[in-house]
Structure formats: structure tokens, C-alpha cells
Protein backbone atom coordinates (compact mmCIF):
# COMPACT_ATOMS: atom_id res chain seq x y z
CA MET A 1 130.78 123.49 169.44
CA ALA A 2 127.39 125.48 170.06
CA ASN A 3 127.17 129.06 169.17
CA GLU A 4 127.14 128.48 165.38
CA LEU A 5 124.54 129.86 163.18
CA ILE A 6 122.22 127.20 161.08
CA LEU A 7 119.81 128.14 158.91
CA ILE A 8 117.09 125.82 158.19
CA VAL A 9 115.11 125.75 154.94
CA GLU A 10 111.62 123.92 155.67
CA ASP A 11 107.94 124.96 154.52
CA HIS A 12 106.40 122.45 157.18
CA GLU A 13 106.06 124.24 160.29
CA LYS A 14 106.16 120.92 162.36
CA ASN A 15 109.19 119.81 160.94
CA ARG A 16 110.79 123.22 161.42
CA LYS A 17 109.64 123.56 164.92
CA LEU A 18 111.35 120.10 165.77
CA VAL A 19 114.71 120.75 164.16
CA ARG A 20 114.78 124.56 165.89
CA ASP A 21 113.95 122.84 169.39
CA VAL A 22 116.75 120.40 169.01
CA LEU A 23 119.20 122.77 167.80
CA LYS A 24 118.46 125.72 170.59
CA PHE A 25 118.62 123.01 173.19
CA LYS A 26 122.01 122.32 171.95
CA GLY A 27 122.93 125.82 171.58
CA TYR A 28 122.81 126.63 168.51
CA GLY A 29 121.50 129.69 166.77
CA VAL A 30 119.03 129.35 164.12
CA ILE A 31 117.41 131.53 161.26
CA GLU A 32 114.67 129.75 159.42
CA ALA A 33 113.11 130.01 155.81
CA GLU A 34 110.18 128.65 154.42
CA THR A 35 110.97 128.73 150.82
CA GLY A 36 114.15 128.26 148.38
CA GLU A 37 114.31 131.51 147.38
CA GLU A 38 114.32 132.77 150.92
CA GLY A 39 116.79 130.34 152.30
CA VAL A 40 118.75 131.42 149.34
CA ARG A 41 118.51 135.10 150.18
CA LEU A 42 119.40 134.44 153.97
CA ALA A 43 122.30 132.43 153.27
CA LEU A 44 123.60 135.09 151.44
CA GLU A 45 122.99 137.80 153.88
CA GLN A 46 123.86 135.71 157.19
CA ARG A 47 126.18 133.21 156.06
CA PRO A 48 125.17 130.90 158.58
CA SER A 49 127.89 127.84 159.68
CA LEU A 50 125.48 125.40 158.26
CA ILE A 51 122.56 124.90 155.95
CA LEU A 52 119.44 122.41 156.72
CA MET A 53 117.57 122.15 153.54
CA ASP A 54 114.12 120.67 153.00
CA ILE A 55 114.12 119.22 148.94
CA ARG A 56 110.62 120.05 148.28
CA LEU A 57 109.96 123.30 148.77
CA PRO A 58 107.30 126.26 147.45
CA GLY A 59 109.16 128.20 144.72
CA ILE A 60 112.48 126.48 144.01
CA ASP A 61 113.30 123.31 145.51
CA GLY A 62 116.09 122.37 147.63
CA VAL A 63 118.26 121.32 144.65
CA GLU A 64 117.94 124.72 142.89
CA ALA A 65 118.52 126.53 145.92
CA LEU A 66 121.60 124.64 146.65
CA ARG A 67 122.90 125.43 143.27
CA ARG A 68 122.33 129.10 143.88
CA ILE A 69 124.03 129.20 147.19
CA ARG A 70 126.98 127.26 145.69
CA ALA A 71 126.95 129.77 142.77
CA ASP A 72 128.13 132.36 145.17
CA ALA A 73 131.72 132.37 146.22
CA THR A 74 130.97 133.84 149.45
CA THR A 75 128.27 131.04 150.45
CA ARG A 76 129.93 128.38 148.21
CA GLY A 77 131.88 126.70 151.01
CA ILE A 78 128.82 126.56 153.79
CA PRO A 79 128.02 122.68 154.35
CA ILE A 80 124.38 121.81 153.19
CA MET A 81 122.59 118.85 154.72
CA ALA A 82 119.58 117.50 152.63
CA ILE A 83 116.44 116.80 154.91
CA THR A 84 113.65 115.09 153.06
CA ALA A 85 110.69 112.68 153.06
CA SER A 86 112.62 111.06 149.76
CA VAL A 87 113.94 107.57 151.15
CA MET A 88 114.36 105.63 148.32
CA THR A 89 117.75 104.69 147.13
CA GLU A 90 117.65 106.24 143.84
CA ASP A 91 116.32 109.50 145.41
CA ARG A 92 119.19 109.60 148.11
CA GLN A 93 121.56 109.17 145.13
CA LYS A 94 120.42 111.91 143.00
CA ILE A 95 120.36 113.98 146.35
CA MET A 96 124.09 113.59 146.95
CA ASP A 97 124.75 113.83 143.56
CA ALA A 98 123.50 117.23 143.56
CA GLY A 99 126.30 118.18 145.99
CA PHE A 100 124.72 117.98 149.23
CA ASP A 101 126.96 117.37 151.79
CA ALA A 102 125.00 115.13 153.98
CA TYR A 103 121.52 113.59 154.17
CA GLN A 104 118.90 112.94 156.55
CA SER A 105 115.58 111.40 156.09
CA LYS A 106 112.11 112.33 157.50
CA PRO A 107 110.96 111.37 160.34
CA LEU A 108 114.09 112.51 161.94
CA ASN A 109 115.83 110.23 164.20
CA VAL A 110 117.07 112.89 166.83
CA LYS A 111 120.44 111.28 167.70
CA ASP A 112 121.72 110.65 164.15
CA PHE A 113 120.51 114.17 163.20
CA VAL A 114 122.55 115.62 165.95
CA VAL A 115 125.58 113.47 165.09
CA ALA A 116 125.22 114.81 161.28
CA VAL A 117 124.87 118.35 162.43
CA GLU A 118 128.13 118.18 164.84
CA GLN A 119 129.99 116.54 162.31
CA LEU A 120 129.42 118.79 159.16
CA LEU A 121 130.05 121.66 161.34
CA ALA A 122 133.64 120.16 162.67
CA ARG A 123 134.16 119.67 158.74
CA GLY A 124 133.31 123.11 158.17
CA ARG A 125 135.75 124.45 160.71
CA THR A 126 138.69 122.96 159.53
């Protein structure tokens, strides 16, 4: 279902643009942050339906941003998907163990990405 607000936390403009363009094409509202701190602030202020979080960010990394978002009762239940270039099996396990709800590796497979977004949003609505 479109119209949900999705927060993209990504420091690379090309990656952010791809994700933004795909989500807007699908009818989602989008807000963006370039740092982990800005992502936490926007999550607390806007309470998006879904957060897409890069792991390697300037300032606090995506894992610390996830911890801060989960620590607040108002944002604890927002699904958060890690989007990262870290594709080694052990990296993926560490990311999932940190508490992310899903994982997508870069470069993104757009079809798989859209399916994952739709699944997380559906889970968040139930």
C-alpha cells in the first residue's frame, strides 16, 4: 500500500537518489537524512512507517542509530531495513543480530528491494 512515509538514511547521493526514485515511483512519501544523527532526529520527529538505514554513515553508524531509535518507545516498533555494501556472511549476521528487520545489499536489486519494502510495511501494519 502506497502513501506510507519512508525515511532513507544514506550518505551517498547516488544511492539515495536511486532509493528515492524507486519509492516515489511506487507512491511512497520519502524523507531523507545523510547522517545517523539526522536519521534518529527525523525518526523521532516524523515517525515514518519504515526506515532504510545505511550501515556506514558519517557520525554515528547505522547500528548505533538503530539502537537509539529502538531505545525510544515512540519509534521502537518502526521496521528498519539495513542497506549496505557489507555483503560478507559474517557482516550480514552481525547486522541482523543488531536488530534490523531486514537486509538488502548494494548494489540494490530493485525488484527484490521493492518486495522487501512491501513485506516490511505489511508487517508493520499488522
